[in-house]
């Protein structure tokens, strides 16, 4: 039995980063369960294509909102529109984010700041804005897409891993805070997934150093995430190999772990 609120004509599931990869697959799964969707990303044409796929023929439908979530002003306008709209946000999926590889001094401060604003600030802001309504209604669900990168420091992806560590820690705490209020909070932690994310983050070096069986597809990752979300789990790690990796990240001493990780992600 799902611990999420049932779909209704007065509610919507807000999904960020819904124009590609895991975001699209999460949207498909929630639509198939009867939820009306509000899809958010920067690319209007891609969003409209996804919305068209999820509308008509008895499907619950999907609205499109174009927004750069790393921009606080644009994000505020989007939130204001939703809070003043006809549908309550009863499901929030914080999926938007990006990564960077390379040593910190080789990446720009501007790009790091943008990543922190999107991967952390936007997640906290949307939770702050929509969770009070969920608590008041006594029902709701928040799925935060973290990463197995959040279980340990990652030389070569230092800032990205730190952002996901933040999301993971916050989600686990919020799960405990909101559980008794009828609101589910789940952190989905994918490992390597073949999506545009890998291209943007330039994970070619990591891919060359890892076996194919460690990589998962977006649809399978999303399925595992949604099933765990429905079950009310605190943390969902997609894939058995990733569970082993996450356990190592948590329990291996840093002096042994960090050189291994540096070898995987390269020395660029």
C-alpha atoms as a PDB file:
ATOM      1  CA  UNK A   1       0.000   0.000   0.000  1.00  0.00           C
ATOM      2  CA  UNK A   2       1.398   3.394  -1.004  1.00  0.00           C
ATOM      3  CA  UNK A   3       2.184   5.853   1.777  1.00  0.00           C
ATOM      4  CA  UNK A   4       1.850   8.753  -0.659  1.00  0.00           C
ATOM      5  CA  UNK A   5      -1.330  10.837  -0.931  1.00  0.00           C
ATOM      6  CA  UNK A   6      -3.640   9.528  -3.657  1.00  0.00           C
ATOM      7  CA  UNK A   7      -4.003  11.474  -6.914  1.00  0.00           C
ATOM      8  CA  UNK A   8      -6.821  14.020  -7.000  1.00  0.00           C
ATOM      9  CA  UNK A   9      -8.302  16.661  -9.276  1.00  0.00           C
ATOM     10  CA  UNK A  10      -7.028  19.393  -6.945  1.00  0.00           C
ATOM     11  CA  UNK A  11      -3.404  18.244  -6.562  1.00  0.00           C
ATOM     12  CA  UNK A  12      -0.256  18.001  -8.639  1.00  0.00           C
ATOM     13  CA  UNK A  13       3.175  16.401  -8.506  1.00  0.00           C
ATOM     14  CA  UNK A  14       5.915  18.979  -9.083  1.00  0.00           C
ATOM     15  CA  UNK A  15       8.992  17.502 -10.765  1.00  0.00           C
ATOM     16  CA  UNK A  16      12.128  19.578 -11.331  1.00  0.00           C
ATOM     17  CA  UNK A  17      14.685  18.665 -13.969  1.00  0.00           C
ATOM     18  CA  UNK A  18      11.860  16.982 -15.875  1.00  0.00           C
ATOM     19  CA  UNK A  19      13.224  17.497 -19.381  1.00  0.00           C
ATOM     20  CA  UNK A  20      15.697  14.607 -19.473  1.00  0.00           C
ATOM     21  CA  UNK A  21      17.065  11.464 -17.867  1.00  0.00           C
ATOM     22  CA  UNK A  22      15.759  10.326 -14.515  1.00  0.00           C
ATOM     23  CA  UNK A  23      13.356  13.277 -14.382  1.00  0.00           C
ATOM     24  CA  UNK A  24      11.441  12.114 -17.455  1.00  0.00           C
ATOM     25  CA  UNK A  25      11.259   8.557 -16.146  1.00  0.00           C
ATOM     26  CA  UNK A  26       9.984   9.713 -12.747  1.00  0.00           C
ATOM     27  CA  UNK A  27       7.343  11.779 -14.547  1.00  0.00           C
ATOM     28  CA  UNK A  28       6.195   8.765 -16.573  1.00  0.00           C
ATOM     29  CA  UNK A  29       5.855   6.606 -13.467  1.00  0.00           C
ATOM     30  CA  UNK A  30       3.889   9.183 -11.481  1.00  0.00           C
ATOM     31  CA  UNK A  31       1.646   9.876 -14.468  1.00  0.00           C
ATOM     32  CA  UNK A  32       0.957   6.147 -14.811  1.00  0.00           C
ATOM     33  CA  UNK A  33      -0.151   6.165 -11.171  1.00  0.00           C
ATOM     34  CA  UNK A  34      -2.708   8.872 -11.935  1.00  0.00           C
ATOM     35  CA  UNK A  35      -0.946  11.993 -10.728  1.00  0.00           C
ATOM     36  CA  UNK A  36      -1.323  15.290 -12.543  1.00  0.00           C
ATOM     37  CA  UNK A  37       2.162  16.679 -13.162  1.00  0.00           C
ATOM     38  CA  UNK A  38       3.829  20.069 -13.120  1.00  0.00           C
ATOM     39  CA  UNK A  39       7.071  19.774 -15.064  1.00  0.00           C
ATOM     40  CA  UNK A  40       9.871  22.268 -14.443  1.00  0.00           C
ATOM     41  CA  UNK A  41      13.140  22.804 -16.326  1.00  0.00           C
ATOM     42  CA  UNK A  42      14.877  25.443 -18.436  1.00  0.00           C
ATOM     43  CA  UNK A  43      14.218  23.910 -21.874  1.00  0.00           C
ATOM     44  CA  UNK A  44      10.700  24.765 -22.993  1.00  0.00           C
ATOM     45  CA  UNK A  45      10.604  22.613 -26.116  1.00  0.00           C
ATOM     46  CA  UNK A  46      11.817  19.519 -24.260  1.00  0.00           C
ATOM     47  CA  UNK A  47       9.293  20.065 -21.481  1.00  0.00           C
ATOM     48  CA  UNK A  48       6.465  20.468 -23.947  1.00  0.00           C
ATOM     49  CA  UNK A  49       7.450  17.227 -25.668  1.00  0.00           C
ATOM     50  CA  UNK A  50       7.341  15.378 -22.333  1.00  0.00           C
ATOM     51  CA  UNK A  51       4.029  16.998 -21.379  1.00  0.00           C
ATOM     52  CA  UNK A  52       2.508  15.966 -24.702  1.00  0.00           C
ATOM     53  CA  UNK A  53       3.534  12.352 -24.097  1.00  0.00           C
ATOM     54  CA  UNK A  54       1.824  12.425 -20.704  1.00  0.00           C
ATOM     55  CA  UNK A  55      -1.433  14.073 -21.783  1.00  0.00           C
ATOM     56  CA  UNK A  56      -4.544  12.829 -23.593  1.00  0.00           C
ATOM     57  CA  UNK A  57      -6.091   9.348 -23.847  1.00  0.00           C
ATOM     58  CA  UNK A  58      -7.329   9.440 -20.269  1.00  0.00           C
ATOM     59  CA  UNK A  59      -3.955  10.426 -18.810  1.00  0.00           C
ATOM     60  CA  UNK A  60      -4.016  12.909 -15.922  1.00  0.00           C
ATOM     61  CA  UNK A  61      -2.109  15.541 -17.914  1.00  0.00           C
ATOM     62  CA  UNK A  62       0.884  17.750 -17.275  1.00  0.00           C
ATOM     63  CA  UNK A  63       1.578  21.472 -17.040  1.00  0.00           C
ATOM     64  CA  UNK A  64       4.866  23.055 -18.073  1.00  0.00           C
ATOM     65  CA  UNK A  65       6.755  25.750 -16.181  1.00  0.00           C
ATOM     66  CA  UNK A  66      10.020  27.054 -17.633  1.00  0.00           C
ATOM     67  CA  UNK A  67      12.350  28.167 -14.861  1.00  0.00           C
ATOM     68  CA  UNK A  68      16.054  28.422 -14.084  1.00  0.00           C
ATOM     69  CA  UNK A  69      15.893  27.073 -10.529  1.00  0.00           C
ATOM     70  CA  UNK A  70      19.372  28.383  -9.768  1.00  0.00           C
ATOM     71  CA  UNK A  71      17.955  31.919 -10.116  1.00  0.00           C
ATOM     72  CA  UNK A  72      16.254  32.863  -6.805  1.00  0.00           C
ATOM     73  CA  UNK A  73      14.037  35.504  -8.441  1.00  0.00           C
ATOM     74  CA  UNK A  74      12.810  33.170 -11.176  1.00  0.00           C
ATOM     75  CA  UNK A  75      12.284  30.418  -8.622  1.00  0.00           C
ATOM     76  CA  UNK A  76      10.243  32.762  -6.446  1.00  0.00           C
ATOM     77  CA  UNK A  77       7.963  33.662  -9.335  1.00  0.00           C
ATOM     78  CA  UNK A  78       7.397  29.988 -10.099  1.00  0.00           C
ATOM     79  CA  UNK A  79       6.617  29.156  -6.479  1.00  0.00           C
ATOM     80  CA  UNK A  80       4.238  32.099  -6.178  1.00  0.00           C
ATOM     81  CA  UNK A  81       2.356  30.962  -9.255  1.00  0.00           C
ATOM     82  CA  UNK A  82       1.985  27.451  -7.897  1.00  0.00           C
ATOM     83  CA  UNK A  83       0.949  28.554  -4.410  1.00  0.00           C
ATOM     84  CA  UNK A  84      -1.714  30.781  -5.951  1.00  0.00           C
ATOM     85  CA  UNK A  85      -2.893  28.143  -8.417  1.00  0.00           C
ATOM     86  CA  UNK A  86      -5.876  25.801  -8.407  1.00  0.00           C
ATOM     87  CA  UNK A  87      -3.819  22.702  -7.555  1.00  0.00           C
ATOM     88  CA  UNK A  88      -1.970  21.962  -4.337  1.00  0.00           C
ATOM     89  CA  UNK A  89       1.564  20.578  -4.630  1.00  0.00           C
ATOM     90  CA  UNK A  90       1.176  17.310  -2.722  1.00  0.00           C
ATOM     91  CA  UNK A  91       4.158  15.560  -4.325  1.00  0.00           C
ATOM     92  CA  UNK A  92       7.497  17.366  -4.717  1.00  0.00           C
ATOM     93  CA  UNK A  93      10.325  15.728  -6.654  1.00  0.00           C
ATOM     94  CA  UNK A  94      13.614  17.629  -6.413  1.00  0.00           C
ATOM     95  CA  UNK A  95      15.504  16.091  -9.316  1.00  0.00           C
ATOM     96  CA  UNK A  96      17.212  19.084 -10.970  1.00  0.00           C
ATOM     97  CA  UNK A  97      20.968  19.231 -10.566  1.00  0.00           C
ATOM     98  CA  UNK A  98      24.295  18.890 -12.318  1.00  0.00           C
ATOM     99  CA  UNK A  99      27.851  17.802 -11.589  1.00  0.00           C
ATOM    100  CA  UNK A 100      31.395  18.784 -12.461  1.00  0.00           C
ATOM    101  CA  UNK A 101      34.556  16.739 -12.657  1.00  0.00           C
ATOM    102  CA  UNK A 102      38.081  18.030 -12.222  1.00  0.00           C
ATOM    103  CA  UNK A 103      40.102  19.467  -9.386  1.00  0.00           C
ATOM    104  CA  UNK A 104      38.502  22.435  -7.669  1.00  0.00           C
ATOM    105  CA  UNK A 105      41.124  24.887  -8.881  1.00  0.00           C
ATOM    106  CA  UNK A 106      40.450  23.870 -12.497  1.00  0.00           C
ATOM    107  CA  UNK A 107      36.733  24.706 -12.301  1.00  0.00           C
ATOM    108  CA  UNK A 108      35.356  28.236 -12.138  1.00  0.00           C
ATOM    109  CA  UNK A 109      33.979  29.761  -8.959  1.00  0.00           C
ATOM    110  CA  UNK A 110      30.912  30.849 -10.932  1.00  0.00           C
ATOM    111  CA  UNK A 111      30.136  27.279 -12.002  1.00  0.00           C
ATOM    112  CA  UNK A 112      30.591  25.957  -8.478  1.00  0.00           C
ATOM    113  CA  UNK A 113      28.282  28.644  -7.115  1.00  0.00           C
ATOM    114  CA  UNK A 114      25.659  27.834  -9.736  1.00  0.00           C
ATOM    115  CA  UNK A 115      25.848  24.162  -8.787  1.00  0.00           C
ATOM    116  CA  UNK A 116      25.408  24.930  -5.086  1.00  0.00           C
ATOM    117  CA  UNK A 117      22.417  27.150  -5.854  1.00  0.00           C
ATOM    118  CA  UNK A 118      20.749  24.447  -7.919  1.00  0.00           C
ATOM    119  CA  UNK A 119      21.758  21.297  -6.047  1.00  0.00           C
ATOM    120  CA  UNK A 120      21.257  22.694  -2.536  1.00  0.00           C
ATOM    121  CA  UNK A 121      19.603  26.095  -2.353  1.00  0.00           C
ATOM    122  CA  UNK A 122      16.739  25.273  -4.727  1.00  0.00           C
ATOM    123  CA  UNK A 123      16.050  21.967  -2.964  1.00  0.00           C
ATOM    124  CA  UNK A 124      15.850  23.618   0.467  1.00  0.00           C
ATOM    125  CA  UNK A 125      13.776  26.515  -0.857  1.00  0.00           C
ATOM    126  CA  UNK A 126      11.161  24.302  -2.515  1.00  0.00           C
ATOM    127  CA  UNK A 127      10.910  22.109   0.577  1.00  0.00           C
ATOM    128  CA  UNK A 128      10.512  25.213   2.757  1.00  0.00           C
ATOM    129  CA  UNK A 129       7.770  26.583   0.493  1.00  0.00           C
ATOM    130  CA  UNK A 130       5.676  23.459  -0.035  1.00  0.00           C
ATOM    131  CA  UNK A 131       6.129  21.319   3.092  1.00  0.00           C
ATOM    132  CA  UNK A 132       4.045  23.603   5.380  1.00  0.00           C
ATOM    133  CA  UNK A 133       0.988  23.021   3.182  1.00  0.00           C
ATOM    134  CA  UNK A 134       1.618  19.291   3.240  1.00  0.00           C
ATOM    135  CA  UNK A 135       1.850  19.322   7.034  1.00  0.00           C
ATOM    136  CA  UNK A 136      -1.330  21.369   7.311  1.00  0.00           C
ATOM    137  CA  UNK A 137      -3.202  18.896   5.093  1.00  0.00           C
ATOM    138  CA  UNK A 138      -1.652  15.910   6.871  1.00  0.00           C
ATOM    139  CA  UNK A 139      -0.420  14.328   3.645  1.00  0.00           C
ATOM    140  CA  UNK A 140       2.361  14.751   1.113  1.00  0.00           C
ATOM    141  CA  UNK A 141       5.549  13.338  -0.330  1.00  0.00           C
ATOM    142  CA  UNK A 142       9.004  14.758  -1.067  1.00  0.00           C
ATOM    143  CA  UNK A 143      11.494  12.802  -3.166  1.00  0.00           C
ATOM    144  CA  UNK A 144      14.973  14.318  -3.223  1.00  0.00           C
ATOM    145  CA  UNK A 145      17.373  12.897  -5.795  1.00  0.00           C
ATOM    146  CA  UNK A 146      20.726  12.723  -4.020  1.00  0.00           C
ATOM    147  CA  UNK A 147      23.493  10.355  -5.151  1.00  0.00           C
ATOM    148  CA  UNK A 148      25.803   7.620  -3.953  1.00  0.00           C
ATOM    149  CA  UNK A 149      28.386  10.408  -4.315  1.00  0.00           C
ATOM    150  CA  UNK A 150      26.923  11.783  -1.094  1.00  0.00           C
ATOM    151  CA  UNK A 151      28.214   8.905   1.020  1.00  0.00           C
ATOM    152  CA  UNK A 152      31.868   9.972   0.908  1.00  0.00           C
ATOM    153  CA  UNK A 153      34.165  12.782  -0.253  1.00  0.00           C
ATOM    154  CA  UNK A 154      35.072  12.485  -3.947  1.00  0.00           C
ATOM    155  CA  UNK A 155      38.404  13.943  -5.088  1.00  0.00           C
ATOM    156  CA  UNK A 156      37.737  14.944  -8.665  1.00  0.00           C
ATOM    157  CA  UNK A 157      34.092  15.826  -7.907  1.00  0.00           C
ATOM    158  CA  UNK A 158      34.611  17.544  -4.569  1.00  0.00           C
ATOM    159  CA  UNK A 159      31.879  20.176  -4.679  1.00  0.00           C
ATOM    160  CA  UNK A 160      29.299  17.956  -6.372  1.00  0.00           C
ATOM    161  CA  UNK A 161      29.736  15.185  -3.804  1.00  0.00           C
ATOM    162  CA  UNK A 162      29.449  17.746  -1.009  1.00  0.00           C
ATOM    163  CA  UNK A 163      26.151  19.048  -2.412  1.00  0.00           C
ATOM    164  CA  UNK A 164      24.732  15.530  -2.520  1.00  0.00           C
ATOM    165  CA  UNK A 165      25.978  14.804   0.988  1.00  0.00           C
ATOM    166  CA  UNK A 166      23.997  17.848   2.104  1.00  0.00           C
ATOM    167  CA  UNK A 167      20.847  16.669   0.305  1.00  0.00           C
ATOM    168  CA  UNK A 168      21.179  13.178   1.763  1.00  0.00           C
ATOM    169  CA  UNK A 169      21.726  14.388   5.337  1.00  0.00           C
ATOM    170  CA  UNK A 170      18.905  16.931   5.175  1.00  0.00           C
ATOM    171  CA  UNK A 171      16.498  14.414   3.663  1.00  0.00           C
ATOM    172  CA  UNK A 172      17.186  11.842   6.366  1.00  0.00           C
ATOM    173  CA  UNK A 173      16.561  14.427   9.084  1.00  0.00           C
ATOM    174  CA  UNK A 174      13.422  15.751   7.359  1.00  0.00           C
ATOM    175  CA  UNK A 175      12.117  12.194   7.006  1.00  0.00           C
ATOM    176  CA  UNK A 176      12.200  11.890  10.796  1.00  0.00           C
ATOM    177  CA  UNK A 177      10.708  15.350  11.353  1.00  0.00           C
ATOM    178  CA  UNK A 178       7.800  14.935   8.935  1.00  0.00           C
ATOM    179  CA  UNK A 179       6.981  11.255   9.259  1.00  0.00           C
ATOM    180  CA  UNK A 180       4.552  11.811  12.139  1.00  0.00           C
ATOM    181  CA  UNK A 181       2.899  14.620  10.161  1.00  0.00           C
ATOM    182  CA  UNK A 182       1.846  12.292   7.353  1.00  0.00           C
ATOM    183  CA  UNK A 183       4.526  13.523   4.939  1.00  0.00           C
ATOM    184  CA  UNK A 184       6.973  11.074   3.348  1.00  0.00           C
ATOM    185  CA  UNK A 185      10.535  12.269   2.653  1.00  0.00           C
ATOM    186  CA  UNK A 186      12.792   9.946   0.663  1.00  0.00           C
ATOM    187  CA  UNK A 187      16.325  10.401  -0.657  1.00  0.00           C
ATOM    188  CA  UNK A 188      16.963   8.522  -3.897  1.00  0.00           C
ATOM    189  CA  UNK A 189      20.659   7.779  -4.334  1.00  0.00           C
ATOM    190  CA  UNK A 190      21.536   6.668  -7.863  1.00  0.00           C
ATOM    191  CA  UNK A 191      24.998   5.539  -8.771  1.00  0.00           C
ATOM    192  CA  UNK A 192      26.303   5.993 -12.331  1.00  0.00           C
ATOM    193  CA  UNK A 193      23.381   6.388 -14.760  1.00  0.00           C
ATOM    194  CA  UNK A 194      23.620   6.764 -18.542  1.00  0.00           C
ATOM    195  CA  UNK A 195      21.971  10.160 -18.988  1.00  0.00           C
ATOM    196  CA  UNK A 196      22.808  13.687 -20.108  1.00  0.00           C
ATOM    197  CA  UNK A 197      24.049  14.274 -16.545  1.00  0.00           C
ATOM    198  CA  UNK A 198      27.085  12.079 -17.259  1.00  0.00           C
ATOM    199  CA  UNK A 199      27.817  14.081 -20.407  1.00  0.00           C
ATOM    200  CA  UNK A 200      27.523  17.463 -18.671  1.00  0.00           C
ATOM    201  CA  UNK A 201      29.705  16.308 -15.777  1.00  0.00           C
ATOM    202  CA  UNK A 202      32.223  14.771 -18.238  1.00  0.00           C
ATOM    203  CA  UNK A 203      32.385  11.376 -16.552  1.00  0.00           C
ATOM    204  CA  UNK A 204      34.304   9.798 -19.415  1.00  0.00           C
ATOM    205  CA  UNK A 205      37.331   9.160 -17.195  1.00  0.00           C
ATOM    206  CA  UNK A 206      35.205   7.545 -14.510  1.00  0.00           C
ATOM    207  CA  UNK A 207      33.329   5.469 -17.089  1.00  0.00           C
ATOM    208  CA  UNK A 208      36.595   4.154 -18.492  1.00  0.00           C
ATOM    209  CA  UNK A 209      37.675   3.023 -15.017  1.00  0.00           C
ATOM    210  CA  UNK A 210      34.436   1.261 -14.010  1.00  0.00           C
ATOM    211  CA  UNK A 211      32.794  -1.924 -15.291  1.00  0.00           C
ATOM    212  CA  UNK A 212      29.620  -1.678 -17.365  1.00  0.00           C
ATOM    213  CA  UNK A 213      27.618  -3.527 -14.704  1.00  0.00           C
ATOM    214  CA  UNK A 214      27.982  -0.556 -12.357  1.00  0.00           C
ATOM    215  CA  UNK A 215      26.053   1.668 -14.773  1.00  0.00           C
ATOM    216  CA  UNK A 216      22.262   1.712 -14.679  1.00  0.00           C
ATOM    217  CA  UNK A 217      19.584   3.001 -17.019  1.00  0.00           C
ATOM    218  CA  UNK A 218      17.365   5.931 -16.074  1.00  0.00           C
ATOM    219  CA  UNK A 219      14.091   3.992 -16.248  1.00  0.00           C
ATOM    220  CA  UNK A 220      15.261   1.280 -13.836  1.00  0.00           C
ATOM    221  CA  UNK A 221      16.698   3.869 -11.456  1.00  0.00           C
ATOM    222  CA  UNK A 222      13.412   5.789 -11.457  1.00  0.00           C
ATOM    223  CA  UNK A 223      11.370   2.626 -10.880  1.00  0.00           C
ATOM    224  CA  UNK A 224      13.426   1.685  -7.825  1.00  0.00           C
ATOM    225  CA  UNK A 225      13.124   5.250  -6.547  1.00  0.00           C
ATOM    226  CA  UNK A 226       9.349   5.495  -6.925  1.00  0.00           C
ATOM    227  CA  UNK A 227       8.745   2.090  -5.341  1.00  0.00           C
ATOM    228  CA  UNK A 228      10.874   3.073  -2.345  1.00  0.00           C
ATOM    229  CA  UNK A 229       9.114   6.451  -2.165  1.00  0.00           C
ATOM    230  CA  UNK A 230       5.717   4.752  -2.115  1.00  0.00           C
ATOM    231  CA  UNK A 231       6.929   2.443   0.646  1.00  0.00           C
ATOM    232  CA  UNK A 232       7.930   5.470   2.738  1.00  0.00           C
ATOM    233  CA  UNK A 233      11.620   4.601   2.848  1.00  0.00           C
ATOM    234  CA  UNK A 234      14.099   7.123   4.198  1.00  0.00           C
ATOM    235  CA  UNK A 235      16.896   6.313   1.718  1.00  0.00           C
ATOM    236  CA  UNK A 236      16.730   4.323  -1.509  1.00  0.00           C
ATOM    237  CA  UNK A 237      19.975   3.224  -3.163  1.00  0.00           C
ATOM    238  CA  UNK A 238      19.439   2.091  -6.738  1.00  0.00           C
ATOM    239  CA  UNK A 239      21.267  -1.157  -7.549  1.00  0.00           C
ATOM    240  CA  UNK A 240      23.016  -3.817  -5.466  1.00  0.00           C
ATOM    241  CA  UNK A 241      26.519  -2.781  -6.520  1.00  0.00           C
ATOM    242  CA  UNK A 242      25.729   0.784  -5.550  1.00  0.00           C
ATOM    243  CA  UNK A 243      24.549  -0.411  -2.122  1.00  0.00           C
ATOM    244  CA  UNK A 244      27.943  -2.041  -1.636  1.00  0.00           C
ATOM    245  CA  UNK A 245      29.692   1.111  -2.832  1.00  0.00           C
ATOM    246  CA  UNK A 246      27.633   3.294  -0.483  1.00  0.00           C
ATOM    247  CA  UNK A 247      28.409   1.012   2.465  1.00  0.00           C
ATOM    248  CA  UNK A 248      32.102   1.282   1.669  1.00  0.00           C
ATOM    249  CA  UNK A 249      31.818   5.044   1.468  1.00  0.00           C
ATOM    250  CA  UNK A 250      30.270   5.179   4.905  1.00  0.00           C
ATOM    251  CA  UNK A 251      32.473   2.698   6.720  1.00  0.00           C
ATOM    252  CA  UNK A 252      35.925   2.589   5.127  1.00  0.00           C
ATOM    253  CA  UNK A 253      38.490   4.831   6.823  1.00  0.00           C
ATOM    254  CA  UNK A 254      39.154   7.963   4.808  1.00  0.00           C
ATOM    255  CA  UNK A 255      42.898   7.262   4.555  1.00  0.00           C
ATOM    256  CA  UNK A 256      42.090   4.074   2.636  1.00  0.00           C
ATOM    257  CA  UNK A 257      39.062   5.344   0.722  1.00  0.00           C
ATOM    258  CA  UNK A 258      40.250   8.641  -0.731  1.00  0.00           C
ATOM    259  CA  UNK A 259      43.169   7.286  -2.814  1.00  0.00           C
ATOM    260  CA  UNK A 260      40.832   4.650  -4.299  1.00  0.00           C
ATOM    261  CA  UNK A 261      38.273   7.266  -5.253  1.00  0.00           C
ATOM    262  CA  UNK A 262      40.924   9.534  -6.744  1.00  0.00           C
ATOM    263  CA  UNK A 263      41.991   6.649  -8.961  1.00  0.00           C
ATOM    264  CA  UNK A 264      38.439   6.157 -10.232  1.00  0.00           C
ATOM    265  CA  UNK A 265      37.747   9.782 -11.049  1.00  0.00           C
ATOM    266  CA  UNK A 266      41.144  10.522 -12.512  1.00  0.00           C
ATOM    267  CA  UNK A 267      43.766  13.084 -11.682  1.00  0.00           C
ATOM    268  CA  UNK A 268      42.731  15.889 -14.061  1.00  0.00           C
END
